[in-house]
Amino acid sequence: MSAPTNLAEGSKRMGRGDYARFLNIAEGSLAETEYLLMVGRDLGYFAVKSYIGPQKEIKDISKMLHGLRKAVEGDR
């Protein structure tokens, strides 16, 4: 919930710098989600096969967020 919440909040900020900061926070939240997914897998809460799809989605979303943040930052 944290990553999309930060995206929503950042999108309503007045300046590009603020928006970029919230995008970066969302990137951090996504990294936390990836870690928790790995812990769940390692502790055997779900099958390793169940990990692959969500982990790929996290990687894809992470790349998109990074690209968006870089575009919003511009030539700073």
N, C-alpha and C. Protein backbone atom coordinates (compact mmCIF):
# COMPACT_ATOMS: atom_id res chain seq x y z
N MET A 1 0.81 -1.19 0.00
CA MET A 1 0.00 0.00 0.00
C MET A 1 0.86 1.26 0.00
N SER A 2 2.05 1.18 0.53
CA SER A 2 2.87 2.37 0.68
C SER A 2 3.33 2.96 -0.66
N ALA A 3 3.73 2.10 -1.58
CA ALA A 3 4.22 2.62 -2.87
C ALA A 3 3.14 3.39 -3.63
N PRO A 4 1.94 2.85 -3.85
CA PRO A 4 0.93 3.62 -4.57
C PRO A 4 0.44 4.84 -3.79
N THR A 5 0.47 4.76 -2.46
CA THR A 5 0.07 5.91 -1.66
C THR A 5 1.04 7.06 -1.86
N ASN A 6 2.33 6.76 -1.91
CA ASN A 6 3.32 7.79 -2.16
C ASN A 6 3.21 8.36 -3.57
N LEU A 7 2.87 7.51 -4.52
CA LEU A 7 2.65 8.01 -5.89
C LEU A 7 1.49 9.00 -5.91
N ALA A 8 0.41 8.66 -5.24
CA ALA A 8 -0.76 9.54 -5.21
C ALA A 8 -0.43 10.86 -4.53
N GLU A 9 0.22 10.78 -3.39
CA GLU A 9 0.55 12.01 -2.67
C GLU A 9 1.51 12.88 -3.47
N GLY A 10 2.54 12.27 -4.01
CA GLY A 10 3.53 13.02 -4.79
C GLY A 10 2.95 13.68 -6.02
N SER A 11 1.96 13.06 -6.62
CA SER A 11 1.38 13.62 -7.85
C SER A 11 0.64 14.92 -7.60
N LYS A 12 0.30 15.20 -6.35
CA LYS A 12 -0.41 16.43 -6.02
C LYS A 12 0.50 17.51 -5.44
N ARG A 13 1.78 17.25 -5.42
CA ARG A 13 2.73 18.25 -4.93
C ARG A 13 2.95 19.31 -6.00
N MET A 14 3.32 20.48 -5.55
CA MET A 14 3.42 21.62 -6.46
C MET A 14 4.65 21.57 -7.36
N GLY A 15 5.76 21.16 -6.85
CA GLY A 15 6.99 21.21 -7.64
C GLY A 15 7.48 19.85 -8.09
N ARG A 16 8.30 19.88 -9.14
CA ARG A 16 8.87 18.65 -9.68
C ARG A 16 9.77 17.96 -8.66
N GLY A 17 10.50 18.76 -7.89
CA GLY A 17 11.40 18.18 -6.89
C GLY A 17 10.65 17.38 -5.84
N ASP A 18 9.53 17.93 -5.38
CA ASP A 18 8.71 17.21 -4.40
C ASP A 18 8.15 15.92 -5.00
N TYR A 19 7.67 16.01 -6.22
CA TYR A 19 7.13 14.82 -6.89
C TYR A 19 8.21 13.76 -7.03
N ALA A 20 9.40 14.18 -7.46
CA ALA A 20 10.51 13.23 -7.61
C ALA A 20 10.87 12.59 -6.27
N ARG A 21 10.81 13.36 -5.20
CA ARG A 21 11.12 12.82 -3.87
C ARG A 21 10.11 11.74 -3.49
N PHE A 22 8.84 11.98 -3.75
CA PHE A 22 7.82 10.97 -3.43
C PHE A 22 7.94 9.75 -4.33
N LEU A 23 8.36 9.95 -5.57
CA LEU A 23 8.61 8.80 -6.45
C LEU A 23 9.75 7.96 -5.89
N ASN A 24 10.77 8.62 -5.36
CA ASN A 24 11.89 7.91 -4.77
C ASN A 24 11.46 7.16 -3.52
N ILE A 25 10.60 7.76 -2.73
CA ILE A 25 10.06 7.07 -1.55
C ILE A 25 9.27 5.83 -1.98
N ALA A 26 8.50 5.97 -3.05
CA ALA A 26 7.75 4.82 -3.58
C ALA A 26 8.70 3.72 -4.03
N GLU A 27 9.84 4.10 -4.63
CA GLU A 27 10.84 3.10 -5.01
C GLU A 27 11.34 2.35 -3.78
N GLY A 28 11.57 3.07 -2.70
CA GLY A 28 12.01 2.43 -1.45
C GLY A 28 10.95 1.49 -0.90
N SER A 29 9.70 1.92 -0.97
CA SER A 29 8.60 1.08 -0.49
C SER A 29 8.50 -0.21 -1.31
N LEU A 30 8.74 -0.09 -2.60
CA LEU A 30 8.71 -1.26 -3.46
C LEU A 30 9.85 -2.22 -3.11
N ALA A 31 11.01 -1.66 -2.76
CA ALA A 31 12.14 -2.50 -2.34
C ALA A 31 11.79 -3.24 -1.04
N GLU A 32 11.09 -2.55 -0.14
CA GLU A 32 10.64 -3.21 1.09
C GLU A 32 9.69 -4.36 0.77
N THR A 33 8.79 -4.14 -0.16
CA THR A 33 7.84 -5.17 -0.56
C THR A 33 8.58 -6.39 -1.13
N GLU A 34 9.58 -6.11 -1.95
CA GLU A 34 10.37 -7.21 -2.53
C GLU A 34 11.06 -8.01 -1.42
N TYR A 35 11.61 -7.30 -0.45
CA TYR A 35 12.28 -7.98 0.66
C TYR A 35 11.30 -8.85 1.45
N LEU A 36 10.14 -8.30 1.76
CA LEU A 36 9.15 -9.07 2.52
C LEU A 36 8.67 -10.30 1.74
N LEU A 37 8.58 -10.16 0.44
CA LEU A 37 8.23 -11.30 -0.40
C LEU A 37 9.31 -12.39 -0.31
N MET A 38 10.58 -11.96 -0.33
CA MET A 38 11.68 -12.92 -0.21
C MET A 38 11.67 -13.61 1.15
N VAL A 39 11.40 -12.85 2.21
CA VAL A 39 11.34 -13.43 3.55
C VAL A 39 10.21 -14.46 3.63
N GLY A 40 9.05 -14.11 3.09
CA GLY A 40 7.93 -15.04 3.08
C GLY A 40 8.28 -16.33 2.35
N ARG A 41 8.98 -16.18 1.23
CA ARG A 41 9.41 -17.36 0.47
C ARG A 41 10.40 -18.19 1.30
N ASP A 42 11.40 -17.51 1.86
CA ASP A 42 12.44 -18.21 2.62
C ASP A 42 11.90 -18.91 3.87
N LEU A 43 10.87 -18.35 4.46
CA LEU A 43 10.28 -18.94 5.65
C LEU A 43 9.25 -20.02 5.31
N GLY A 44 9.02 -20.22 4.02
CA GLY A 44 8.13 -21.29 3.58
C GLY A 44 6.65 -20.96 3.69
N TYR A 45 6.31 -19.67 3.72
CA TYR A 45 4.90 -19.29 3.79
C TYR A 45 4.16 -19.56 2.49
N PHE A 46 4.89 -19.67 1.40
CA PHE A 46 4.30 -20.02 0.11
C PHE A 46 5.35 -20.70 -0.75
N ALA A 47 4.89 -21.36 -1.79
CA ALA A 47 5.80 -22.11 -2.67
C ALA A 47 6.69 -21.17 -3.47
N VAL A 48 7.88 -21.63 -3.75
CA VAL A 48 8.84 -20.83 -4.53
C VAL A 48 8.23 -20.43 -5.87
N LYS A 49 7.43 -21.32 -6.48
CA LYS A 49 6.79 -21.00 -7.76
C LYS A 49 5.88 -19.78 -7.63
N SER A 50 5.28 -19.61 -6.48
CA SER A 50 4.38 -18.47 -6.25
C SER A 50 5.15 -17.16 -6.15
N TYR A 51 6.44 -17.22 -5.91
CA TYR A 51 7.30 -16.04 -5.76
C TYR A 51 7.66 -15.42 -7.10
N ILE A 52 7.79 -16.22 -8.12
CA ILE A 52 8.35 -15.77 -9.40
C ILE A 52 7.52 -14.67 -10.05
N GLY A 53 6.22 -14.83 -10.15
CA GLY A 53 5.36 -13.83 -10.80
C GLY A 53 5.39 -12.48 -10.09
N PRO A 54 5.11 -12.44 -8.78
CA PRO A 54 5.15 -11.16 -8.08
C PRO A 54 6.54 -10.51 -8.10
N GLN A 55 7.58 -11.32 -8.02
CA GLN A 55 8.93 -10.77 -8.04
C GLN A 55 9.22 -10.11 -9.38
N LYS A 56 8.77 -10.69 -10.48
CA LYS A 56 8.95 -10.09 -11.80
C LYS A 56 8.16 -8.79 -11.90
N GLU A 57 6.95 -8.78 -11.37
CA GLU A 57 6.14 -7.56 -11.40
C GLU A 57 6.83 -6.44 -10.62
N ILE A 58 7.40 -6.77 -9.48
CA ILE A 58 8.12 -5.77 -8.69
C ILE A 58 9.28 -5.20 -9.48
N LYS A 59 10.04 -6.06 -10.14
CA LYS A 59 11.18 -5.59 -10.95
C LYS A 59 10.70 -4.68 -12.07
N ASP A 60 9.62 -5.06 -12.76
CA ASP A 60 9.10 -4.24 -13.85
C ASP A 60 8.61 -2.89 -13.36
N ILE A 61 7.87 -2.90 -12.26
CA ILE A 61 7.35 -1.64 -11.70
C ILE A 61 8.49 -0.77 -11.21
N SER A 62 9.49 -1.38 -10.64
CA SER A 62 10.66 -0.65 -10.17
C SER A 62 11.36 0.08 -11.32
N LYS A 63 11.50 -0.59 -12.44
CA LYS A 63 12.12 0.04 -13.62
C LYS A 63 11.27 1.21 -14.11
N MET A 64 9.95 1.03 -14.12
CA MET A 64 9.06 2.11 -14.56
C MET A 64 9.13 3.31 -13.61
N LEU A 65 9.12 3.04 -12.32
CA LEU A 65 9.22 4.12 -11.34
C LEU A 65 10.53 4.88 -11.48
N HIS A 66 11.61 4.15 -11.68
CA HIS A 66 12.91 4.78 -11.84
C HIS A 66 12.91 5.69 -13.07
N GLY A 67 12.38 5.18 -14.18
CA GLY A 67 12.32 5.99 -15.39
C GLY A 67 11.47 7.24 -15.22
N LEU A 68 10.34 7.09 -14.54
CA LEU A 68 9.46 8.24 -14.30
C LEU A 68 10.16 9.25 -13.41
N ARG A 69 10.83 8.79 -12.37
CA ARG A 69 11.55 9.72 -11.47
C ARG A 69 12.62 10.48 -12.23
N LYS A 70 13.37 9.78 -13.06
CA LYS A 70 14.43 10.45 -13.83
C LYS A 70 13.83 11.49 -14.78
N ALA A 71 12.71 11.17 -15.40
CA ALA A 71 12.05 12.12 -16.30
C ALA A 71 11.54 13.34 -15.54
N VAL A 72 10.99 13.11 -14.37
CA VAL A 72 10.46 14.23 -13.56
C VAL A 72 11.62 15.10 -13.06
N GLU A 73 12.72 14.47 -12.71
CA GLU A 73 13.88 15.24 -12.23
C GLU A 73 14.45 16.12 -13.34
N GLY A 74 14.37 15.67 -14.57
CA GLY A 74 14.90 16.45 -15.69
C GLY A 74 16.40 16.66 -15.60
N ASP A 75 16.84 17.86 -15.88
CA ASP A 75 18.27 18.17 -15.96
C ASP A 75 18.79 18.80 -14.66
N ARG A 76 18.28 18.38 -13.55
CA ARG A 76 18.73 19.01 -12.31
C ARG A 76 20.15 18.71 -11.99
